Structure formats: structure tokens, C-alpha cells
Amino acid sequence: MASNPKILVIDDQNVNLILIEKALRSGEYHNIVTTSSPEDGLSRIIHDKPDLVLLDLIMPRLNGIEILEQLKSLSQHLPPILIVTSENSENMQQKALEAGARQVIKKPFQRAELLDSVRQWLAFAY
């Protein structure tokens, strides 16, 4: 695993960005980039090449599934992308996994669950 992995968090709600960043920092992750813009998030995945992405599912203009589908069409190496969502629809969660998400984490999340998933996927990526 990279010694200081870059984690990108994309969520249209600032309160969620703050909660996720706080949880990550408590787990000793400090190279965290957050954005509330789905379009900016998509661009950052492509150009900044983060080691892991935490992506909200329901956002205006461009939702998490649309981001995953656009990334899949680029057919380049992608970081593990974990969905962090309050969306309860099993259908939407299944669509996200089919579109390339590695895992769905439900909001409100447990800090330990989020950190365990982040650790596992970062270890898997290297």
C-alpha cells in the first residue's frame, strides 16, 4: 500500500464530506481531497489518479452510477471506488456494483466499518 494514499471523496452534501474526512483522518489518512461537484470529482478521478474513491450515489446533474459508467467507458486503470450512500434501493445499489463500484457502504456509516473497508481496498489495490 502507498505510504500516504490519496483518497478522493465525492458527495454533494458538505456535511457528509466533513463526516467522511473526519473519519478518515481518525484512521491516520491525511491525503484526502473532497469535492461537492460530481463533475469535478469525475475529472479528478481521471487526471489526479487517486488511490481510492468514496462516491455518493445520489447527486444532482451527474449521479454516482453515471460517473461509474463514464469511467468504465474510458477503459483505463481505475482506483477502487466505494459507494457511500443513504439510498436504500437494492436496485440502485446493484446497478452501482454492476457499473464498477467495489462496495456499497450505507449512511449513516459506522466509522470502524468505513475505515475497515478503506484499509481492505487500499491493500487490495497494491
Protein backbone atom coordinates (compact mmCIF):
# COMPACT_ATOMS: atom_id res chain seq x y z
CA MET A 1 0.00 0.00 0.00
CA ALA A 2 1.20 3.53 -0.70
CA SER A 3 2.59 5.15 2.45
CA ASN A 4 0.31 8.17 2.05
CA PRO A 5 -2.57 7.07 -0.17
CA LYS A 6 -4.62 9.74 -1.91
CA ILE A 7 -8.32 9.37 -1.17
CA LEU A 8 -10.94 11.31 -3.13
CA VAL A 9 -14.36 11.88 -1.55
CA ILE A 10 -17.23 13.00 -3.80
CA ASP A 11 -20.53 13.98 -2.15
CA ASP A 12 -22.87 16.86 -2.92
CA GLN A 13 -23.59 17.41 0.81
CA ASN A 14 -20.85 19.30 2.66
CA VAL A 15 -21.86 17.73 5.99
CA ASN A 16 -21.13 14.28 4.53
CA LEU A 17 -17.76 15.45 3.21
CA ILE A 18 -16.86 16.69 6.69
CA LEU A 19 -18.01 13.47 8.41
CA ILE A 20 -16.16 11.21 5.98
CA GLU A 21 -12.99 13.30 6.08
CA LYS A 22 -13.07 13.32 9.90
CA ALA A 23 -13.46 9.52 9.96
CA LEU A 24 -10.57 9.07 7.50
CA ARG A 25 -8.29 11.39 9.47
CA SER A 26 -9.05 9.43 12.65
CA GLY A 27 -7.74 6.39 10.77
CA GLU A 28 -4.47 8.20 10.01
CA TYR A 29 -5.33 9.03 6.39
CA HIS A 30 -4.25 12.58 5.63
CA ASN A 31 -4.00 12.88 1.84
CA ILE A 32 -7.73 13.49 1.37
CA VAL A 33 -9.32 15.54 -1.39
CA THR A 34 -13.02 16.36 -1.16
CA THR A 35 -15.40 17.84 -3.68
CA SER A 36 -19.12 18.52 -3.70
CA SER A 37 -19.18 18.69 -7.51
CA PRO A 38 -19.78 15.40 -9.34
CA GLU A 39 -18.22 16.86 -12.49
CA ASP A 40 -15.10 17.95 -10.62
CA GLY A 41 -14.94 14.53 -8.98
CA LEU A 42 -15.06 12.76 -12.34
CA SER A 43 -12.27 14.99 -13.65
CA ARG A 44 -10.16 14.36 -10.54
CA ILE A 45 -10.53 10.58 -10.86
CA ILE A 46 -9.30 10.76 -14.46
CA HIS A 47 -6.50 13.31 -14.02
CA ASP A 48 -5.33 13.06 -10.38
CA LYS A 49 -5.39 9.25 -10.21
CA PRO A 50 -6.38 8.83 -6.54
CA ASP A 51 -5.68 5.52 -4.81
CA LEU A 52 -9.29 5.18 -3.62
CA VAL A 53 -12.58 6.98 -4.25
CA LEU A 54 -15.56 7.30 -1.91
CA LEU A 55 -18.52 8.29 -4.06
CA ASP A 56 -22.07 9.33 -3.20
CA LEU A 57 -24.76 7.69 -5.30
CA ILE A 58 -27.48 10.34 -5.46
CA MET A 59 -26.23 13.75 -6.62
CA PRO A 60 -27.65 16.42 -8.94
CA ARG A 61 -26.61 16.67 -12.59
CA LEU A 62 -24.39 13.57 -12.53
CA ASN A 63 -25.08 10.68 -10.16
CA GLY A 64 -22.67 8.03 -8.93
CA ILE A 65 -23.83 5.41 -11.44
CA GLU A 66 -23.36 7.84 -14.34
CA ILE A 67 -19.85 8.62 -13.09
CA LEU A 68 -19.04 4.89 -12.90
CA GLU A 69 -20.42 4.30 -16.40
CA GLN A 70 -18.38 7.17 -17.85
CA LEU A 71 -15.23 5.84 -16.18
CA LYS A 72 -15.93 2.32 -17.42
CA SER A 73 -16.21 3.62 -20.99
CA LEU A 74 -12.70 5.09 -20.74
CA SER A 75 -11.32 1.57 -20.15
CA GLN A 76 -8.32 2.73 -18.16
CA HIS A 77 -6.97 1.53 -14.84
CA LEU A 78 -9.30 2.86 -12.16
CA PRO A 79 -8.89 3.02 -8.41
CA PRO A 80 -11.29 1.07 -6.20
CA ILE A 81 -14.50 3.08 -5.97
CA LEU A 82 -16.69 2.61 -2.91
CA ILE A 83 -20.22 3.96 -2.83
CA VAL A 84 -21.21 5.71 0.41
CA THR A 85 -24.95 6.31 0.21
CA SER A 86 -28.21 6.71 2.06
CA GLU A 87 -30.02 5.25 -0.96
CA ASN A 88 -31.94 2.20 0.26
CA SER A 89 -32.95 0.82 -3.12
CA GLU A 90 -31.39 -2.60 -3.65
CA ASN A 91 -31.83 -1.99 -7.39
CA MET A 92 -29.73 1.19 -7.30
CA GLN A 93 -27.05 -0.49 -5.19
CA GLN A 94 -26.93 -3.44 -7.59
CA LYS A 95 -26.64 -1.06 -10.56
CA ALA A 96 -23.71 0.66 -8.86
CA LEU A 97 -21.91 -2.66 -8.34
CA GLU A 98 -22.60 -3.70 -11.93
CA ALA A 99 -21.24 -0.34 -13.13
CA GLY A 100 -17.94 -0.97 -11.35
CA ALA A 101 -18.26 0.03 -7.69
CA ARG A 102 -16.40 -2.37 -5.42
CA GLN A 103 -18.62 -1.99 -2.35
CA VAL A 104 -21.65 -0.11 -1.03
CA ILE A 105 -21.42 1.44 2.43
CA LYS A 106 -24.68 2.68 3.92
CA LYS A 107 -25.13 6.10 5.50
CA PRO A 108 -25.16 6.73 8.34
CA PHE A 109 -21.96 4.70 8.37
CA GLN A 110 -20.06 3.32 11.32
CA ARG A 111 -16.57 4.84 11.46
CA ALA A 112 -14.97 1.43 12.06
CA GLU A 113 -16.80 -0.10 9.09
CA LEU A 114 -15.72 2.73 6.80
CA LEU A 115 -12.09 2.53 7.92
CA ASP A 116 -12.02 -1.28 7.61
CA SER A 117 -13.31 -1.04 4.05
CA VAL A 118 -10.82 1.70 3.15
CA ARG A 119 -7.92 -0.34 4.57
CA GLN A 120 -9.01 -3.50 2.76
CA TRP A 121 -9.45 -1.86 -0.62
CA LEU A 122 -6.21 0.11 -0.38
CA ALA A 123 -4.36 -3.10 0.48
CA PHE A 124 -6.07 -4.87 -2.43
CA ALA A 125 -5.11 -2.10 -4.85
CA TYR A 126 -1.39 -2.64 -4.20
